[in-house]
């Protein structure tokens, strides 16, 4: 084999500061499409799903071999914060909380996790959520 072959799938979750509902529909579209998906691709990661609620976000990616989990999330959070604070809503408060959740999964689990992320608003509306994937509270 001339180059590494991997299938590293990662489900990332992070929240807004104090779980405030800062991801309005205007902010959500710009943050999801142009920044987080774009930053993932820039880092050679393949974004498979993105979704969330006004107070948190889920990202499913196929991770590139050269990218650390912490770097992917740091870059996505930093770029999206910058966009919101400097272009979309200058002068308004927007901030991500410092921590995140990251879960590896087998290739066979990708369709189920993708469906879960794609249907975030419905799952939350029905109260049908996976608590482990939704709670990203800071722990001292």
C-alpha atoms as a PDB file:
ATOM      1  CA  UNK A   1       0.000   0.000   0.000  1.00  0.00           C
ATOM      2  CA  UNK A   2       1.485   3.341  -1.031  1.00  0.00           C
ATOM      3  CA  UNK A   3      -0.526   5.506   1.350  1.00  0.00           C
ATOM      4  CA  UNK A   4      -2.474   5.003   4.557  1.00  0.00           C
ATOM      5  CA  UNK A   5      -6.004   3.706   4.224  1.00  0.00           C
ATOM      6  CA  UNK A   6      -8.255   4.464   7.143  1.00  0.00           C
ATOM      7  CA  UNK A   7     -11.921   4.647   7.933  1.00  0.00           C
ATOM      8  CA  UNK A   8     -11.942   6.882  10.984  1.00  0.00           C
ATOM      9  CA  UNK A   9     -15.452   8.156  11.663  1.00  0.00           C
ATOM     10  CA  UNK A  10     -15.987  10.757  14.327  1.00  0.00           C
ATOM     11  CA  UNK A  11     -19.161  12.216  15.831  1.00  0.00           C
ATOM     12  CA  UNK A  12     -18.414  15.578  17.475  1.00  0.00           C
ATOM     13  CA  UNK A  13     -20.744  17.596  19.689  1.00  0.00           C
ATOM     14  CA  UNK A  14     -20.218  21.027  21.224  1.00  0.00           C
ATOM     15  CA  UNK A  15     -22.392  23.670  22.796  1.00  0.00           C
ATOM     16  CA  UNK A  16     -22.826  27.393  22.891  1.00  0.00           C
ATOM     17  CA  UNK A  17     -21.679  29.290  25.955  1.00  0.00           C
ATOM     18  CA  UNK A  18     -23.860  28.326  28.957  1.00  0.00           C
ATOM     19  CA  UNK A  19     -26.105  26.511  26.460  1.00  0.00           C
ATOM     20  CA  UNK A  20     -27.592  29.830  25.389  1.00  0.00           C
ATOM     21  CA  UNK A  21     -29.754  29.629  22.228  1.00  0.00           C
ATOM     22  CA  UNK A  22     -27.252  31.537  20.091  1.00  0.00           C
ATOM     23  CA  UNK A  23     -27.566  29.494  16.899  1.00  0.00           C
ATOM     24  CA  UNK A  24     -30.423  31.379  15.280  1.00  0.00           C
ATOM     25  CA  UNK A  25     -31.561  30.269  11.821  1.00  0.00           C
ATOM     26  CA  UNK A  26     -29.475  33.040  10.212  1.00  0.00           C
ATOM     27  CA  UNK A  27     -26.370  32.103  12.170  1.00  0.00           C
ATOM     28  CA  UNK A  28     -26.968  28.357  11.800  1.00  0.00           C
ATOM     29  CA  UNK A  29     -26.923  28.304   8.001  1.00  0.00           C
ATOM     30  CA  UNK A  30     -23.753  30.361   7.671  1.00  0.00           C
ATOM     31  CA  UNK A  31     -21.934  28.505  10.433  1.00  0.00           C
ATOM     32  CA  UNK A  32     -22.890  25.057   9.158  1.00  0.00           C
ATOM     33  CA  UNK A  33     -22.425  25.530   5.434  1.00  0.00           C
ATOM     34  CA  UNK A  34     -19.624  27.943   4.859  1.00  0.00           C
ATOM     35  CA  UNK A  35     -17.518  27.577   7.935  1.00  0.00           C
ATOM     36  CA  UNK A  36     -17.707  24.215   9.684  1.00  0.00           C
ATOM     37  CA  UNK A  37     -18.143  22.158   6.519  1.00  0.00           C
ATOM     38  CA  UNK A  38     -15.565  24.314   4.752  1.00  0.00           C
ATOM     39  CA  UNK A  39     -13.061  24.047   7.595  1.00  0.00           C
ATOM     40  CA  UNK A  40     -13.527  20.272   7.730  1.00  0.00           C
ATOM     41  CA  UNK A  41     -12.785  19.988   4.017  1.00  0.00           C
ATOM     42  CA  UNK A  42      -9.818  22.337   4.332  1.00  0.00           C
ATOM     43  CA  UNK A  43      -8.397  19.931   6.917  1.00  0.00           C
ATOM     44  CA  UNK A  44      -8.996  17.026   4.489  1.00  0.00           C
ATOM     45  CA  UNK A  45     -11.822  15.604   6.596  1.00  0.00           C
ATOM     46  CA  UNK A  46     -14.997  14.493   4.856  1.00  0.00           C
ATOM     47  CA  UNK A  47     -18.099  16.047   6.453  1.00  0.00           C
ATOM     48  CA  UNK A  48     -20.969  13.540   6.397  1.00  0.00           C
ATOM     49  CA  UNK A  49     -23.609  15.320   8.495  1.00  0.00           C
ATOM     50  CA  UNK A  50     -24.102  18.516  10.442  1.00  0.00           C
ATOM     51  CA  UNK A  51     -27.070  19.516  12.542  1.00  0.00           C
ATOM     52  CA  UNK A  52     -28.088  20.805  15.889  1.00  0.00           C
ATOM     53  CA  UNK A  53     -30.269  22.997  17.994  1.00  0.00           C
ATOM     54  CA  UNK A  54     -30.016  26.655  19.021  1.00  0.00           C
ATOM     55  CA  UNK A  55     -27.654  25.659  21.854  1.00  0.00           C
ATOM     56  CA  UNK A  56     -25.444  22.927  20.359  1.00  0.00           C
ATOM     57  CA  UNK A  57     -24.107  21.335  17.203  1.00  0.00           C
ATOM     58  CA  UNK A  58     -23.337  17.822  15.953  1.00  0.00           C
ATOM     59  CA  UNK A  59     -20.764  17.085  13.263  1.00  0.00           C
ATOM     60  CA  UNK A  60     -20.089  13.687  11.685  1.00  0.00           C
ATOM     61  CA  UNK A  61     -16.861  13.443   9.707  1.00  0.00           C
ATOM     62  CA  UNK A  62     -14.524  10.919   8.227  1.00  0.00           C
ATOM     63  CA  UNK A  63     -11.312  12.027   9.875  1.00  0.00           C
ATOM     64  CA  UNK A  64      -8.143  12.404   7.835  1.00  0.00           C
ATOM     65  CA  UNK A  65      -5.068  10.586   9.128  1.00  0.00           C
ATOM     66  CA  UNK A  66      -3.128  13.812   9.661  1.00  0.00           C
ATOM     67  CA  UNK A  67      -5.760  15.636  11.737  1.00  0.00           C
ATOM     68  CA  UNK A  68      -6.084  15.423  15.505  1.00  0.00           C
ATOM     69  CA  UNK A  69      -9.604  15.505  16.941  1.00  0.00           C
ATOM     70  CA  UNK A  70      -8.777  18.550  19.067  1.00  0.00           C
ATOM     71  CA  UNK A  71      -7.424  20.417  16.040  1.00  0.00           C
ATOM     72  CA  UNK A  72     -10.522  19.747  13.928  1.00  0.00           C
ATOM     73  CA  UNK A  73     -12.854  21.015  16.628  1.00  0.00           C
ATOM     74  CA  UNK A  74     -10.631  23.952  17.577  1.00  0.00           C
ATOM     75  CA  UNK A  75     -10.465  25.090  13.954  1.00  0.00           C
ATOM     76  CA  UNK A  76     -14.220  24.656  13.370  1.00  0.00           C
ATOM     77  CA  UNK A  77     -15.166  26.471  16.567  1.00  0.00           C
ATOM     78  CA  UNK A  78     -12.653  29.254  16.053  1.00  0.00           C
ATOM     79  CA  UNK A  79     -13.572  29.948  12.441  1.00  0.00           C
ATOM     80  CA  UNK A  80     -17.309  29.867  13.144  1.00  0.00           C
ATOM     81  CA  UNK A  81     -16.981  32.146  16.183  1.00  0.00           C
ATOM     82  CA  UNK A  82     -14.967  34.602  14.140  1.00  0.00           C
ATOM     83  CA  UNK A  83     -17.558  34.629  11.354  1.00  0.00           C
ATOM     84  CA  UNK A  84     -20.451  35.278  13.722  1.00  0.00           C
ATOM     85  CA  UNK A  85     -18.651  37.886  15.825  1.00  0.00           C
ATOM     86  CA  UNK A  86     -17.147  39.823  12.922  1.00  0.00           C
ATOM     87  CA  UNK A  87     -19.493  39.406   9.958  1.00  0.00           C
ATOM     88  CA  UNK A  88     -22.938  38.045  10.831  1.00  0.00           C
ATOM     89  CA  UNK A  89     -23.678  39.649  14.202  1.00  0.00           C
ATOM     90  CA  UNK A  90     -20.922  42.081  15.181  1.00  0.00           C
ATOM     91  CA  UNK A  91     -21.548  43.543  18.591  1.00  0.00           C
ATOM     92  CA  UNK A  92     -23.820  40.683  19.684  1.00  0.00           C
ATOM     93  CA  UNK A  93     -22.663  37.967  22.052  1.00  0.00           C
ATOM     94  CA  UNK A  94     -21.633  34.649  20.500  1.00  0.00           C
ATOM     95  CA  UNK A  95     -19.281  32.127  22.018  1.00  0.00           C
ATOM     96  CA  UNK A  96     -18.840  28.347  22.145  1.00  0.00           C
ATOM     97  CA  UNK A  97     -18.226  26.626  25.460  1.00  0.00           C
ATOM     98  CA  UNK A  98     -14.705  25.359  25.945  1.00  0.00           C
ATOM     99  CA  UNK A  99     -15.315  21.635  25.930  1.00  0.00           C
ATOM    100  CA  UNK A 100     -16.686  19.160  23.409  1.00  0.00           C
ATOM    101  CA  UNK A 101     -17.677  15.532  23.043  1.00  0.00           C
ATOM    102  CA  UNK A 102     -16.120  13.245  20.435  1.00  0.00           C
ATOM    103  CA  UNK A 103     -17.175   9.693  19.702  1.00  0.00           C
ATOM    104  CA  UNK A 104     -15.590   7.229  17.306  1.00  0.00           C
ATOM    105  CA  UNK A 105     -17.836   4.846  15.433  1.00  0.00           C
ATOM    106  CA  UNK A 106     -17.659   1.877  13.138  1.00  0.00           C
ATOM    107  CA  UNK A 107     -18.452   2.321   9.459  1.00  0.00           C
ATOM    108  CA  UNK A 108     -21.643   0.302   9.955  1.00  0.00           C
ATOM    109  CA  UNK A 109     -22.929   2.872  12.482  1.00  0.00           C
ATOM    110  CA  UNK A 110     -22.463   5.860  10.152  1.00  0.00           C
ATOM    111  CA  UNK A 111     -25.953   5.746   8.572  1.00  0.00           C
ATOM    112  CA  UNK A 112     -27.701   5.670  11.967  1.00  0.00           C
ATOM    113  CA  UNK A 113     -25.609   8.512  13.392  1.00  0.00           C
ATOM    114  CA  UNK A 114     -26.058  10.526  10.201  1.00  0.00           C
ATOM    115  CA  UNK A 115     -29.835  10.080  10.432  1.00  0.00           C
ATOM    116  CA  UNK A 116     -29.760  11.132  14.089  1.00  0.00           C
ATOM    117  CA  UNK A 117     -27.825  14.308  13.248  1.00  0.00           C
ATOM    118  CA  UNK A 118     -29.946  15.117  10.192  1.00  0.00           C
ATOM    119  CA  UNK A 119     -33.098  14.900  12.335  1.00  0.00           C
ATOM    120  CA  UNK A 120     -31.898  16.854  15.381  1.00  0.00           C
ATOM    121  CA  UNK A 121     -34.866  19.194  15.599  1.00  0.00           C
ATOM    122  CA  UNK A 122     -37.354  16.327  15.346  1.00  0.00           C
ATOM    123  CA  UNK A 123     -35.517  14.217  17.935  1.00  0.00           C
ATOM    124  CA  UNK A 124     -35.423  17.091  20.400  1.00  0.00           C
ATOM    125  CA  UNK A 125     -39.058  17.977  19.726  1.00  0.00           C
ATOM    126  CA  UNK A 126     -40.083  14.404  20.521  1.00  0.00           C
ATOM    127  CA  UNK A 127     -37.684  14.090  23.463  1.00  0.00           C
ATOM    128  CA  UNK A 128     -36.078  11.154  21.659  1.00  0.00           C
ATOM    129  CA  UNK A 129     -32.384  11.908  22.194  1.00  0.00           C
ATOM    130  CA  UNK A 130     -29.256   9.983  23.124  1.00  0.00           C
ATOM    131  CA  UNK A 131     -28.242  11.689  26.347  1.00  0.00           C
ATOM    132  CA  UNK A 132     -24.565  10.718  26.004  1.00  0.00           C
ATOM    133  CA  UNK A 133     -24.414  12.579  22.679  1.00  0.00           C
ATOM    134  CA  UNK A 134     -26.267  15.637  23.916  1.00  0.00           C
ATOM    135  CA  UNK A 135     -24.604  16.486  27.230  1.00  0.00           C
ATOM    136  CA  UNK A 136     -21.283  18.301  26.897  1.00  0.00           C
ATOM    137  CA  UNK A 137     -21.100  20.116  30.208  1.00  0.00           C
ATOM    138  CA  UNK A 138     -17.788  21.364  31.516  1.00  0.00           C
ATOM    139  CA  UNK A 139     -16.463  19.214  34.340  1.00  0.00           C
ATOM    140  CA  UNK A 140     -14.070  21.368  36.301  1.00  0.00           C
END
